[in-house]
N, C-alpha and C. Protein backbone atom coordinates (compact mmCIF):
# COMPACT_ATOMS: atom_id res chain seq x y z
N MET A 1 88.39 -102.41 11.89
CA MET A 1 87.18 -102.44 12.66
C MET A 1 87.11 -103.72 13.45
N ARG A 2 87.67 -103.67 14.63
CA ARG A 2 87.79 -104.89 15.42
C ARG A 2 86.52 -105.22 16.17
N LYS A 3 85.66 -104.22 16.34
CA LYS A 3 84.47 -104.46 17.15
C LYS A 3 83.24 -104.66 16.29
N ILE A 4 83.36 -105.56 15.34
CA ILE A 4 82.23 -105.85 14.47
C ILE A 4 81.15 -106.64 15.17
N ALA A 5 81.46 -107.08 16.38
CA ALA A 5 80.58 -108.02 17.06
C ALA A 5 79.14 -107.61 17.07
N GLY A 6 78.89 -106.31 17.23
CA GLY A 6 77.52 -105.87 17.40
C GLY A 6 76.62 -106.21 16.25
N LEU A 7 77.17 -106.44 15.08
CA LEU A 7 76.31 -106.73 13.96
C LEU A 7 75.46 -107.96 14.19
N LEU A 8 75.91 -108.85 15.05
CA LEU A 8 75.18 -110.09 15.25
C LEU A 8 73.92 -109.90 16.06
N ILE A 9 73.80 -108.78 16.78
CA ILE A 9 72.62 -108.57 17.61
C ILE A 9 71.34 -108.55 16.81
N ILE A 10 71.47 -108.06 15.69
CA ILE A 10 70.28 -107.96 14.89
C ILE A 10 69.60 -109.29 14.68
N LEU A 11 70.34 -110.45 14.85
CA LEU A 11 69.80 -111.77 14.58
C LEU A 11 68.66 -112.12 15.50
N CYS A 12 68.49 -111.36 16.61
CA CYS A 12 67.42 -111.65 17.54
C CYS A 12 66.08 -111.73 16.87
N CYS A 13 65.88 -110.99 15.88
CA CYS A 13 64.58 -110.95 15.28
C CYS A 13 64.39 -112.00 14.21
N PHE A 14 65.51 -112.50 13.59
CA PHE A 14 65.18 -113.26 12.40
C PHE A 14 66.29 -113.96 11.78
N THR A 15 67.51 -115.10 7.50
CA THR A 15 67.88 -114.89 6.27
C THR A 15 68.12 -115.84 5.28
N VAL A 16 68.39 -116.14 4.72
CA VAL A 16 68.38 -116.18 3.30
C VAL A 16 68.66 -117.58 2.81
N TYR A 17 67.55 -118.31 2.93
CA TYR A 17 67.55 -119.67 2.45
C TYR A 17 66.45 -119.85 1.40
N SER A 18 65.80 -118.85 0.97
CA SER A 18 64.57 -119.00 0.22
C SER A 18 64.80 -119.35 -1.24
N ALA A 19 63.75 -119.86 -1.85
CA ALA A 19 63.81 -120.14 -3.28
C ALA A 19 63.87 -118.81 -4.02
N GLN A 20 64.85 -118.69 -4.90
CA GLN A 20 65.06 -117.41 -5.57
C GLN A 20 63.89 -117.07 -6.50
N GLN A 21 63.13 -118.08 -6.94
CA GLN A 21 62.04 -117.82 -7.87
C GLN A 21 60.88 -117.12 -7.18
N THR A 22 60.75 -117.24 -5.89
CA THR A 22 59.62 -116.67 -5.18
C THR A 22 59.76 -115.16 -5.08
N PRO A 23 58.79 -114.40 -5.55
CA PRO A 23 58.91 -112.94 -5.50
C PRO A 23 58.68 -112.41 -4.08
N TRP A 24 59.29 -111.30 -3.78
CA TRP A 24 59.06 -110.63 -2.50
C TRP A 24 57.67 -110.01 -2.50
N GLN A 25 57.00 -110.12 -1.37
CA GLN A 25 55.70 -109.49 -1.19
C GLN A 25 55.83 -108.37 -0.16
N LEU A 26 55.41 -107.17 -0.52
CA LEU A 26 55.50 -106.05 0.39
C LEU A 26 54.53 -106.23 1.56
N TRP A 27 55.07 -106.11 2.77
CA TRP A 27 54.24 -106.20 3.97
C TRP A 27 53.83 -104.81 4.44
N LYS A 28 54.80 -103.92 4.57
CA LYS A 28 54.47 -102.58 5.07
C LYS A 28 55.61 -101.61 4.74
N THR A 29 55.24 -100.35 4.48
CA THR A 29 56.19 -99.26 4.36
C THR A 29 55.80 -98.19 5.36
N GLN A 30 56.76 -97.81 6.20
CA GLN A 30 56.47 -96.84 7.26
C GLN A 30 57.71 -96.02 7.56
N ASP A 31 57.57 -94.71 7.56
CA ASP A 31 58.67 -93.80 7.90
C ASP A 31 59.93 -94.09 7.09
N GLY A 32 59.75 -94.40 5.82
CA GLY A 32 60.89 -94.63 4.95
C GLY A 32 61.48 -96.02 5.02
N VAL A 33 60.90 -96.90 5.84
CA VAL A 33 61.36 -98.29 5.96
C VAL A 33 60.35 -99.19 5.25
N SER A 34 60.86 -100.05 4.35
CA SER A 34 60.00 -101.00 3.66
C SER A 34 60.35 -102.41 4.12
N VAL A 35 59.34 -103.21 4.41
CA VAL A 35 59.54 -104.58 4.86
C VAL A 35 58.75 -105.51 3.94
N SER A 36 59.45 -106.51 3.37
CA SER A 36 58.84 -107.48 2.49
C SER A 36 59.12 -108.89 3.02
N PHE A 37 58.46 -109.89 2.42
CA PHE A 37 58.66 -111.26 2.89
C PHE A 37 58.48 -112.26 1.76
N LYS A 38 59.08 -113.45 1.97
CA LYS A 38 58.84 -114.65 1.16
C LYS A 38 58.51 -115.78 2.12
N LYS A 39 57.52 -116.57 1.79
CA LYS A 39 57.19 -117.71 2.65
C LYS A 39 57.87 -118.97 2.13
N HIS A 40 58.57 -119.67 3.03
CA HIS A 40 59.21 -120.93 2.68
C HIS A 40 58.20 -122.06 2.72
N SER A 41 58.60 -123.20 2.18
CA SER A 41 57.70 -124.35 2.12
C SER A 41 57.32 -124.85 3.51
N ASN A 42 58.15 -124.55 4.52
CA ASN A 42 57.84 -124.98 5.89
C ASN A 42 56.92 -124.00 6.62
N GLY A 43 56.52 -122.93 5.93
CA GLY A 43 55.61 -121.96 6.53
C GLY A 43 56.28 -120.78 7.19
N ILE A 44 57.59 -120.80 7.32
CA ILE A 44 58.34 -119.70 7.94
C ILE A 44 58.68 -118.67 6.88
N VAL A 45 58.57 -117.39 7.21
CA VAL A 45 58.88 -116.35 6.25
C VAL A 45 60.34 -115.90 6.36
N GLU A 46 60.88 -115.55 5.21
CA GLU A 46 62.15 -114.84 5.10
C GLU A 46 61.80 -113.37 4.95
N VAL A 47 62.46 -112.51 5.70
CA VAL A 47 62.09 -111.11 5.77
C VAL A 47 63.20 -110.24 5.19
N GLN A 48 62.81 -109.21 4.48
CA GLN A 48 63.78 -108.24 3.95
C GLN A 48 63.31 -106.82 4.26
N GLY A 49 64.20 -106.05 4.87
CA GLY A 49 63.90 -104.66 5.18
C GLY A 49 64.90 -103.74 4.50
N THR A 50 64.41 -102.61 4.00
CA THR A 50 65.27 -101.64 3.33
C THR A 50 64.98 -100.24 3.85
N LEU A 51 66.02 -99.42 3.87
CA LEU A 51 65.86 -98.00 4.19
C LEU A 51 67.09 -97.26 3.73
N GLN A 52 66.97 -95.97 3.60
CA GLN A 52 68.10 -95.11 3.25
C GLN A 52 68.27 -94.09 4.35
N ILE A 53 69.53 -93.90 4.79
CA ILE A 53 69.83 -93.00 5.90
C ILE A 53 70.74 -91.89 5.40
N GLU A 54 70.32 -90.67 5.58
CA GLU A 54 71.11 -89.53 5.14
C GLU A 54 72.25 -89.27 6.12
N ASN A 55 73.35 -88.74 5.58
CA ASN A 55 74.51 -88.32 6.39
C ASN A 55 75.12 -89.46 7.19
N SER A 56 75.09 -90.67 6.64
CA SER A 56 75.70 -91.82 7.31
C SER A 56 76.50 -92.64 6.30
N THR A 57 77.50 -93.35 6.79
CA THR A 57 78.37 -94.17 5.96
C THR A 57 78.41 -95.60 6.51
N ALA A 58 79.04 -96.49 5.77
CA ALA A 58 79.21 -97.86 6.23
C ALA A 58 80.02 -97.90 7.52
N SER A 59 81.01 -97.02 7.65
CA SER A 59 81.81 -96.98 8.87
C SER A 59 80.97 -96.56 10.08
N ASP A 60 80.03 -95.64 9.88
CA ASP A 60 79.13 -95.25 10.96
C ASP A 60 78.29 -96.45 11.40
N PHE A 61 77.79 -97.17 10.42
CA PHE A 61 76.97 -98.35 10.71
C PHE A 61 77.76 -99.38 11.51
N MET A 62 79.00 -99.63 11.11
CA MET A 62 79.84 -100.58 11.83
C MET A 62 80.11 -100.12 13.26
N ALA A 63 80.31 -98.82 13.43
CA ALA A 63 80.54 -98.29 14.77
C ALA A 63 79.33 -98.52 15.66
N LEU A 64 78.14 -98.35 15.12
CA LEU A 64 76.91 -98.60 15.88
C LEU A 64 76.80 -100.08 16.25
N LEU A 65 77.03 -100.97 15.30
CA LEU A 65 76.87 -102.39 15.56
C LEU A 65 77.90 -102.91 16.56
N SER A 66 79.03 -102.24 16.64
CA SER A 66 80.05 -102.68 17.60
C SER A 66 79.73 -102.29 19.03
N ASP A 67 78.77 -101.38 19.22
CA ASP A 67 78.41 -100.90 20.56
C ASP A 67 77.38 -101.86 21.16
N THR A 68 77.84 -103.01 21.60
CA THR A 68 76.93 -104.06 22.06
C THR A 68 76.15 -103.68 23.31
N GLU A 69 76.70 -102.80 24.13
CA GLU A 69 76.00 -102.42 25.36
C GLU A 69 74.68 -101.70 25.07
N ARG A 70 74.64 -101.00 23.95
CA ARG A 70 73.42 -100.26 23.61
C ARG A 70 72.44 -101.09 22.78
N ALA A 71 72.83 -102.29 22.42
CA ALA A 71 71.99 -103.10 21.53
C ALA A 71 70.54 -103.25 22.04
N PRO A 72 70.33 -103.55 23.32
CA PRO A 72 68.94 -103.72 23.78
C PRO A 72 68.09 -102.45 23.67
N LYS A 73 68.72 -101.31 23.48
CA LYS A 73 67.97 -100.06 23.40
C LYS A 73 67.36 -99.85 22.01
N TRP A 74 67.89 -100.53 21.00
CA TRP A 74 67.37 -100.29 19.66
C TRP A 74 67.06 -101.56 18.87
N VAL A 75 67.62 -102.70 19.25
CA VAL A 75 67.32 -103.94 18.54
C VAL A 75 66.13 -104.61 19.24
N GLU A 76 65.06 -104.75 18.53
CA GLU A 76 63.81 -105.24 19.11
C GLU A 76 63.97 -106.63 19.71
N ASN A 77 63.53 -106.78 20.96
CA ASN A 77 63.47 -108.06 21.68
C ASN A 77 64.80 -108.57 22.21
N VAL A 78 65.90 -107.89 21.96
CA VAL A 78 67.20 -108.35 22.44
C VAL A 78 67.45 -107.83 23.85
N SER A 79 67.90 -108.72 24.73
CA SER A 79 68.17 -108.32 26.12
C SER A 79 69.65 -108.38 26.47
N HIS A 80 70.44 -109.14 25.70
CA HIS A 80 71.85 -109.31 26.07
C HIS A 80 72.65 -109.74 24.85
N VAL A 81 73.85 -109.17 24.69
CA VAL A 81 74.76 -109.54 23.62
C VAL A 81 76.15 -109.70 24.20
N GLU A 82 76.82 -110.79 23.86
CA GLU A 82 78.15 -111.07 24.40
C GLU A 82 79.07 -111.58 23.29
N VAL A 83 80.23 -110.95 23.16
CA VAL A 83 81.21 -111.41 22.18
C VAL A 83 81.92 -112.64 22.74
N LEU A 84 81.89 -113.72 21.99
CA LEU A 84 82.53 -114.97 22.42
C LEU A 84 83.91 -115.15 21.82
N ALA A 85 84.10 -114.73 20.58
CA ALA A 85 85.39 -114.91 19.91
C ALA A 85 85.47 -114.02 18.68
N ARG A 86 86.71 -113.71 18.29
CA ARG A 86 86.99 -112.98 17.05
C ARG A 86 88.04 -113.77 16.27
N PRO A 87 87.63 -114.68 15.40
CA PRO A 87 88.60 -115.45 14.63
C PRO A 87 89.54 -114.58 13.81
N SER A 88 89.07 -113.41 13.37
CA SER A 88 89.90 -112.46 12.63
C SER A 88 89.26 -111.09 12.75
N ASP A 89 89.90 -110.08 12.16
CA ASP A 89 89.34 -108.73 12.20
C ASP A 89 87.97 -108.67 11.54
N ALA A 90 87.71 -109.56 10.61
CA ALA A 90 86.47 -109.53 9.85
C ALA A 90 85.45 -110.56 10.30
N GLU A 91 85.78 -111.37 11.30
CA GLU A 91 84.89 -112.45 11.73
C GLU A 91 84.62 -112.34 13.23
N THR A 92 83.39 -112.63 13.61
CA THR A 92 82.99 -112.54 15.01
C THR A 92 82.00 -113.62 15.36
N ILE A 93 82.13 -114.17 16.57
CA ILE A 93 81.16 -115.13 17.10
C ILE A 93 80.53 -114.50 18.34
N VAL A 94 79.21 -114.44 18.36
CA VAL A 94 78.49 -113.68 19.39
C VAL A 94 77.33 -114.50 19.95
N TYR A 95 77.10 -114.33 21.24
CA TYR A 95 75.94 -114.93 21.91
C TYR A 95 74.89 -113.83 22.10
N THR A 96 73.65 -114.12 21.73
CA THR A 96 72.56 -113.16 21.84
C THR A 96 71.39 -113.78 22.60
N LYS A 97 70.85 -113.07 23.57
CA LYS A 97 69.67 -113.51 24.33
C LYS A 97 68.47 -112.70 23.86
N ILE A 98 67.35 -113.38 23.61
CA ILE A 98 66.17 -112.77 23.03
C ILE A 98 64.97 -112.96 23.96
N ASN A 99 64.29 -111.87 24.27
CA ASN A 99 63.09 -111.94 25.10
C ASN A 99 61.89 -112.40 24.29
N SER A 100 61.04 -113.19 24.91
CA SER A 100 59.78 -113.61 24.28
C SER A 100 58.63 -113.30 25.23
N PRO A 101 57.47 -112.96 24.68
CA PRO A 101 56.32 -112.67 25.55
C PRO A 101 55.82 -113.95 26.22
N TRP A 102 55.39 -113.82 27.48
CA TRP A 102 54.82 -114.96 28.21
C TRP A 102 53.59 -115.46 27.47
N PRO A 103 53.39 -116.76 27.35
CA PRO A 103 54.10 -117.86 28.02
C PRO A 103 55.18 -118.50 27.15
N ILE A 104 55.60 -117.84 26.08
CA ILE A 104 56.61 -118.40 25.18
C ILE A 104 57.98 -118.32 25.84
N ARG A 105 58.75 -119.39 25.75
CA ARG A 105 60.09 -119.40 26.34
C ARG A 105 61.03 -118.46 25.57
N ASP A 106 61.94 -117.84 26.30
CA ASP A 106 62.93 -116.99 25.67
C ASP A 106 63.80 -117.80 24.72
N ARG A 107 64.41 -117.10 23.75
CA ARG A 107 65.30 -117.72 22.79
C ARG A 107 66.72 -117.19 22.98
N ASP A 108 67.68 -117.96 22.49
CA ASP A 108 69.04 -117.45 22.39
C ASP A 108 69.67 -117.99 21.12
N MET A 109 70.84 -117.47 20.77
CA MET A 109 71.54 -117.94 19.58
C MET A 109 73.02 -117.65 19.70
N VAL A 110 73.79 -118.49 19.05
CA VAL A 110 75.21 -118.22 18.85
C VAL A 110 75.38 -118.03 17.34
N SER A 111 75.98 -116.92 16.95
CA SER A 111 76.04 -116.56 15.54
C SER A 111 77.46 -116.23 15.10
N TYR A 112 77.74 -116.59 13.87
CA TYR A 112 79.04 -116.30 13.25
C TYR A 112 78.82 -115.29 12.13
N SER A 113 79.63 -114.24 12.10
CA SER A 113 79.51 -113.24 11.05
C SER A 113 80.83 -113.04 10.33
N CYS A 114 80.73 -112.66 9.06
CA CYS A 114 81.91 -112.37 8.27
C CYS A 114 81.56 -111.22 7.33
N TYR A 115 82.47 -110.28 7.15
CA TYR A 115 82.16 -109.12 6.33
C TYR A 115 83.30 -108.80 5.38
N LYS A 116 82.97 -108.10 4.29
CA LYS A 116 83.97 -107.74 3.30
C LYS A 116 83.44 -106.62 2.41
N ARG A 117 84.36 -105.96 1.74
CA ARG A 117 84.02 -104.99 0.72
C ARG A 117 83.77 -105.71 -0.59
N LEU A 118 82.64 -105.45 -1.21
CA LEU A 118 82.38 -105.99 -2.54
C LEU A 118 82.99 -105.11 -3.61
N ASN A 119 82.95 -103.81 -3.36
CA ASN A 119 83.53 -102.82 -4.26
C ASN A 119 83.66 -101.52 -3.47
N PRO A 120 84.15 -100.43 -4.04
CA PRO A 120 84.36 -99.21 -3.25
C PRO A 120 83.12 -98.65 -2.57
N THR A 121 81.92 -99.01 -3.02
CA THR A 121 80.71 -98.44 -2.43
C THR A 121 79.83 -99.45 -1.72
N GLN A 122 80.14 -100.75 -1.81
CA GLN A 122 79.28 -101.78 -1.23
C GLN A 122 80.04 -102.65 -0.23
N THR A 123 79.40 -102.89 0.91
CA THR A 123 79.92 -103.78 1.94
C THR A 123 78.87 -104.83 2.25
N LEU A 124 79.30 -106.08 2.37
CA LEU A 124 78.38 -107.18 2.66
C LEU A 124 78.76 -107.86 3.96
N LEU A 125 77.77 -108.07 4.82
CA LEU A 125 77.94 -108.85 6.05
C LEU A 125 77.06 -110.08 5.95
N THR A 126 77.63 -111.23 6.23
CA THR A 126 76.85 -112.48 6.24
C THR A 126 76.85 -113.04 7.66
N ILE A 127 75.74 -113.61 8.05
CA ILE A 127 75.54 -114.09 9.42
C ILE A 127 74.89 -115.47 9.36
N SER A 128 75.35 -116.39 10.19
CA SER A 128 74.75 -117.72 10.24
C SER A 128 74.85 -118.27 11.66
N ALA A 129 74.02 -119.26 11.94
CA ALA A 129 74.02 -119.90 13.25
C ALA A 129 75.30 -120.70 13.45
N TYR A 130 75.81 -120.69 14.67
CA TYR A 130 77.00 -121.46 15.05
C TYR A 130 76.73 -122.05 16.42
N SER A 131 75.67 -122.82 16.49
CA SER A 131 74.99 -123.17 17.73
C SER A 131 75.87 -123.87 18.75
N ASP A 132 76.73 -124.78 18.33
CA ASP A 132 77.46 -125.62 19.28
C ASP A 132 78.71 -124.97 19.85
N PHE A 133 78.98 -123.73 19.50
CA PHE A 133 80.16 -123.06 20.03
C PHE A 133 80.03 -122.80 21.53
N LYS A 134 78.79 -122.67 22.01
CA LYS A 134 78.51 -122.42 23.42
C LYS A 134 77.49 -123.42 23.92
N GLU A 135 77.67 -123.88 25.16
CA GLU A 135 76.73 -124.83 25.73
C GLU A 135 75.31 -124.28 25.75
N HIS A 136 74.35 -125.18 25.56
CA HIS A 136 72.95 -124.76 25.58
C HIS A 136 72.51 -124.42 27.00
N VAL A 137 71.59 -123.47 27.09
CA VAL A 137 71.03 -123.05 28.37
C VAL A 137 69.65 -123.70 28.52
N ASP A 138 69.42 -124.40 29.61
CA ASP A 138 68.20 -125.18 29.77
C ASP A 138 66.93 -124.34 29.76
N SER A 139 67.02 -123.13 30.23
CA SER A 139 65.82 -122.31 30.40
C SER A 139 65.35 -121.63 29.11
N VAL A 140 66.13 -121.72 28.04
CA VAL A 140 65.76 -121.05 26.80
C VAL A 140 65.85 -122.03 25.63
N VAL A 141 65.23 -121.65 24.52
CA VAL A 141 65.28 -122.44 23.29
C VAL A 141 66.33 -121.83 22.36
N ARG A 142 67.24 -122.63 21.89
CA ARG A 142 68.29 -122.11 21.01
C ARG A 142 67.84 -122.12 19.55
N ILE A 143 68.06 -121.00 18.89
CA ILE A 143 67.81 -120.89 17.45
C ILE A 143 68.99 -121.51 16.72
N LYS A 144 68.72 -122.55 15.92
CA LYS A 144 69.78 -123.29 15.25
C LYS A 144 69.78 -123.10 13.73
N ASP A 145 68.70 -122.58 13.20
CA ASP A 145 68.58 -122.41 11.75
C ASP A 145 68.45 -120.92 11.46
N LEU A 146 69.53 -120.30 11.03
CA LEU A 146 69.57 -118.86 10.84
C LEU A 146 70.51 -118.49 9.71
N LYS A 147 70.05 -117.63 8.81
CA LYS A 147 70.89 -117.05 7.77
C LYS A 147 70.47 -115.59 7.60
N ALA A 148 71.45 -114.70 7.55
CA ALA A 148 71.12 -113.28 7.39
C ALA A 148 72.22 -112.56 6.63
N THR A 149 71.85 -111.46 5.99
CA THR A 149 72.83 -110.60 5.33
C THR A 149 72.48 -109.15 5.57
N TRP A 150 73.51 -108.32 5.57
CA TRP A 150 73.36 -106.87 5.51
C TRP A 150 74.13 -106.39 4.28
N LEU A 151 73.47 -105.72 3.38
CA LEU A 151 74.13 -105.08 2.25
C LEU A 151 74.12 -103.57 2.48
N LEU A 152 75.31 -102.97 2.55
CA LEU A 152 75.46 -101.54 2.78
C LEU A 152 75.94 -100.88 1.49
N GLU A 153 75.19 -99.92 1.01
CA GLU A 153 75.55 -99.23 -0.23
C GLU A 153 75.67 -97.74 0.04
N GLU A 154 76.88 -97.23 -0.15
CA GLU A 154 77.13 -95.81 0.07
C GLU A 154 76.88 -95.01 -1.20
N HIS A 155 76.21 -93.88 -1.03
CA HIS A 155 75.95 -92.95 -2.13
C HIS A 155 76.52 -91.59 -1.70
N ASN A 156 77.73 -91.31 -2.16
CA ASN A 156 78.42 -90.12 -1.70
C ASN A 156 78.72 -89.17 -2.87
N SER A 157 78.55 -87.91 -2.60
CA SER A 157 78.90 -86.87 -3.55
C SER A 157 79.36 -85.66 -2.75
N PRO A 158 79.95 -84.66 -3.39
CA PRO A 158 80.36 -83.46 -2.64
C PRO A 158 79.21 -82.78 -1.90
N GLU A 159 77.99 -82.97 -2.41
CA GLU A 159 76.83 -82.31 -1.80
C GLU A 159 76.09 -83.17 -0.80
N LYS A 160 76.26 -84.50 -0.90
CA LYS A 160 75.39 -85.37 -0.11
C LYS A 160 76.06 -86.70 0.20
N VAL A 161 75.82 -87.21 1.41
CA VAL A 161 76.29 -88.53 1.82
C VAL A 161 75.08 -89.31 2.33
N SER A 162 74.92 -90.54 1.86
CA SER A 162 73.80 -91.36 2.34
C SER A 162 74.19 -92.82 2.28
N LEU A 163 73.43 -93.63 3.04
CA LEU A 163 73.70 -95.06 3.14
C LEU A 163 72.39 -95.82 2.94
N ALA A 164 72.36 -96.70 1.93
CA ALA A 164 71.21 -97.56 1.70
C ALA A 164 71.47 -98.91 2.34
N LEU A 165 70.54 -99.39 3.15
CA LEU A 165 70.67 -100.65 3.87
C LEU A 165 69.62 -101.64 3.37
N THR A 166 70.06 -102.87 3.12
CA THR A 166 69.15 -103.97 2.82
C THR A 166 69.48 -105.11 3.76
N HIS A 167 68.54 -105.44 4.63
CA HIS A 167 68.73 -106.50 5.62
C HIS A 167 67.79 -107.64 5.29
N THR A 168 68.34 -108.83 5.06
CA THR A 168 67.54 -110.01 4.73
C THR A 168 67.80 -111.07 5.77
N VAL A 169 66.73 -111.69 6.28
CA VAL A 169 66.92 -112.65 7.37
C VAL A 169 65.89 -113.77 7.35
N TYR A 170 66.39 -114.97 7.60
CA TYR A 170 65.55 -116.14 7.78
C TYR A 170 65.96 -116.80 9.08
N ALA A 171 65.01 -117.13 9.95
CA ALA A 171 65.31 -117.82 11.19
C ALA A 171 64.13 -118.70 11.59
N ASP A 172 64.45 -119.92 11.94
CA ASP A 172 63.46 -120.83 12.51
C ASP A 172 63.58 -120.71 14.03
N PRO A 173 62.56 -120.17 14.71
CA PRO A 173 62.68 -119.95 16.15
C PRO A 173 62.71 -121.23 16.97
N GLY A 174 62.33 -122.36 16.37
CA GLY A 174 62.33 -123.61 17.11
C GLY A 174 61.21 -123.65 18.14
N GLY A 175 61.07 -124.78 18.77
CA GLY A 175 60.03 -124.90 19.79
C GLY A 175 58.64 -124.97 19.18
N ALA A 176 57.64 -124.87 20.05
CA ALA A 176 56.25 -125.05 19.63
C ALA A 176 55.55 -123.71 19.41
N ILE A 177 56.16 -122.82 18.63
CA ILE A 177 55.53 -121.54 18.32
C ILE A 177 54.80 -121.66 16.98
N PRO A 178 53.51 -121.31 16.90
CA PRO A 178 52.81 -121.33 15.61
C PRO A 178 53.51 -120.40 14.62
N HIS A 179 53.61 -120.83 13.38
CA HIS A 179 54.32 -120.03 12.39
C HIS A 179 53.66 -118.67 12.17
N TRP A 180 52.34 -118.62 12.26
CA TRP A 180 51.68 -117.33 12.06
C TRP A 180 52.13 -116.32 13.10
N LEU A 181 52.42 -116.81 14.32
CA LEU A 181 52.86 -115.92 15.39
C LEU A 181 54.31 -115.51 15.21
N SER A 182 55.19 -116.47 14.94
CA SER A 182 56.61 -116.14 14.77
C SER A 182 56.82 -115.28 13.53
N ASN A 183 56.06 -115.52 12.47
CA ASN A 183 56.18 -114.69 11.27
C ASN A 183 55.77 -113.25 11.54
N ASN A 184 54.70 -113.08 12.29
CA ASN A 184 54.23 -111.74 12.63
C ASN A 184 55.26 -111.00 13.47
N VAL A 185 55.87 -111.70 14.42
CA VAL A 185 56.91 -111.10 15.26
C VAL A 185 58.11 -110.69 14.42
N SER A 186 58.52 -111.54 13.48
CA SER A 186 59.67 -111.24 12.63
C SER A 186 59.44 -109.98 11.80
N LEU A 187 58.26 -109.86 11.22
CA LEU A 187 57.95 -108.69 10.40
C LEU A 187 57.94 -107.41 11.24
N LYS A 188 57.24 -107.44 12.36
CA LYS A 188 57.16 -106.26 13.21
C LYS A 188 58.53 -105.90 13.80
N SER A 189 59.29 -106.91 14.19
CA SER A 189 60.60 -106.65 14.78
C SER A 189 61.55 -106.02 13.78
N THR A 190 61.50 -106.47 12.53
CA THR A 190 62.34 -105.88 11.50
C THR A 190 62.01 -104.41 11.30
N LEU A 191 60.74 -104.10 11.21
CA LEU A 191 60.33 -102.71 11.03
C LEU A 191 60.78 -101.84 12.19
N LYS A 192 60.54 -102.28 13.41
CA LYS A 192 60.89 -101.48 14.59
C LYS A 192 62.40 -101.33 14.72
N THR A 193 63.15 -102.39 14.43
CA THR A 193 64.60 -102.33 14.56
C THR A 193 65.20 -101.37 13.55
N LEU A 194 64.75 -101.40 12.31
CA LEU A 194 65.32 -100.52 11.29
C LEU A 194 64.97 -99.06 11.56
N ARG A 195 63.78 -98.80 12.06
CA ARG A 195 63.43 -97.44 12.43
C ARG A 195 64.32 -96.94 13.57
N ALA A 196 64.54 -97.80 14.55
CA ALA A 196 65.40 -97.43 15.68
C ALA A 196 66.86 -97.28 15.24
N LEU A 197 67.28 -98.13 14.30
CA LEU A 197 68.63 -98.04 13.77
C LEU A 197 68.90 -96.66 13.19
N ARG A 198 67.97 -96.15 12.42
CA ARG A 198 68.14 -94.83 11.82
C ARG A 198 68.27 -93.76 12.89
N SER A 199 67.50 -93.85 13.94
CA SER A 199 67.59 -92.86 15.03
C SER A 199 68.94 -92.95 15.73
N GLU A 200 69.43 -94.18 15.95
CA GLU A 200 70.72 -94.34 16.61
C GLU A 200 71.85 -93.76 15.77
N LEU A 201 71.80 -93.97 14.46
CA LEU A 201 72.87 -93.49 13.60
C LEU A 201 72.93 -91.96 13.53
N ALA A 202 71.85 -91.32 13.95
CA ALA A 202 71.85 -89.85 13.97
C ALA A 202 72.74 -89.29 15.07
N GLN A 203 73.12 -90.13 16.04
CA GLN A 203 73.94 -89.67 17.15
C GLN A 203 75.38 -89.47 16.69
N GLU A 204 75.96 -88.37 17.12
CA GLU A 204 77.29 -87.98 16.65
C GLU A 204 78.36 -89.01 16.99
N GLN A 205 78.17 -89.74 18.08
CA GLN A 205 79.21 -90.68 18.52
C GLN A 205 79.45 -91.80 17.52
N TYR A 206 78.52 -92.03 16.60
CA TYR A 206 78.69 -93.10 15.63
C TYR A 206 79.21 -92.60 14.28
N HIS A 207 79.46 -91.32 14.18
CA HIS A 207 80.00 -90.78 12.94
C HIS A 207 81.50 -90.99 12.95
N ALA A 208 81.90 -92.19 12.57
CA ALA A 208 83.29 -92.61 12.69
C ALA A 208 84.11 -92.16 11.50
N ALA A 209 85.43 -92.16 11.70
CA ALA A 209 86.34 -91.91 10.59
C ALA A 209 86.27 -93.08 9.62
N PRO A 210 86.51 -92.86 8.33
CA PRO A 210 86.48 -93.95 7.36
C PRO A 210 87.37 -95.11 7.79
N THR A 211 86.87 -96.32 7.65
CA THR A 211 87.57 -97.51 8.09
C THR A 211 87.83 -98.45 6.92
N ASP A 212 89.00 -99.04 6.88
CA ASP A 212 89.31 -100.01 5.86
C ASP A 212 88.65 -101.34 6.23
N ILE A 213 87.60 -101.72 5.50
CA ILE A 213 86.87 -102.94 5.79
C ILE A 213 87.53 -104.09 5.05
N LYS A 214 88.14 -104.98 5.80
CA LYS A 214 88.88 -106.07 5.19
C LYS A 214 87.97 -107.24 4.83
N GLU A 215 88.45 -108.04 3.88
CA GLU A 215 87.68 -109.21 3.48
C GLU A 215 87.95 -110.38 4.43
N GLY A 216 86.87 -110.97 4.92
CA GLY A 216 87.02 -112.08 5.85
C GLY A 216 87.23 -113.41 5.13
N ASN A 217 87.81 -114.34 5.85
CA ASN A 217 88.03 -115.68 5.30
C ASN A 217 86.71 -116.44 5.15
N CYS A 218 85.78 -116.17 6.06
CA CYS A 218 84.44 -116.78 6.03
C CYS A 218 84.53 -118.30 5.94
N SER A 219 85.36 -118.87 6.78
CA SER A 219 85.64 -120.31 6.70
C SER A 219 84.75 -121.15 7.59
N ILE A 220 84.05 -120.54 8.51
CA ILE A 220 83.21 -121.30 9.45
C ILE A 220 81.83 -121.53 8.86
């Protein structure tokens, strides 16, 4: 799976720096998507979204994430995604441009991702900021503090195939945005993106043949 790049698009909205002792608080459940949060000591929330998609596999999900041209159609607030480098088959560095409502300045990010199989039914993708890989753009604010994961769990039987997704993300948007506003955007964006993700995966073009997901070095 050489085109893993698309997985980084999801970072536009928002992982995982939180204190493990803090329990998740449910924010909303809608159309089979559940979104929860933990508030960090700095006032920024870490967001976790879960859903289960019938008739989909981890390979289908990877095929969708690799289709960067369609990213703005389903990833909330994302306007542009560009692959900058592929250190290996399992690692990708991507530039993402994020729209913000006026008068807030737009954001961008450079992100590094690495993925691997945990076991025959689970795949883990980790994502982090890699800000200095690309020069900063004066007109936008760069997101420099970002951690995210995607846990993909396949539930397959002769009668049924399904994919459980758990997406966890923490991002400091930077700039002079009130935390109450950025937190609200993160929660809503996660819900809308996961709902749209399920609709996209229903398209036949993403029903890919099984792919051998290799373990990345994850050295960056």
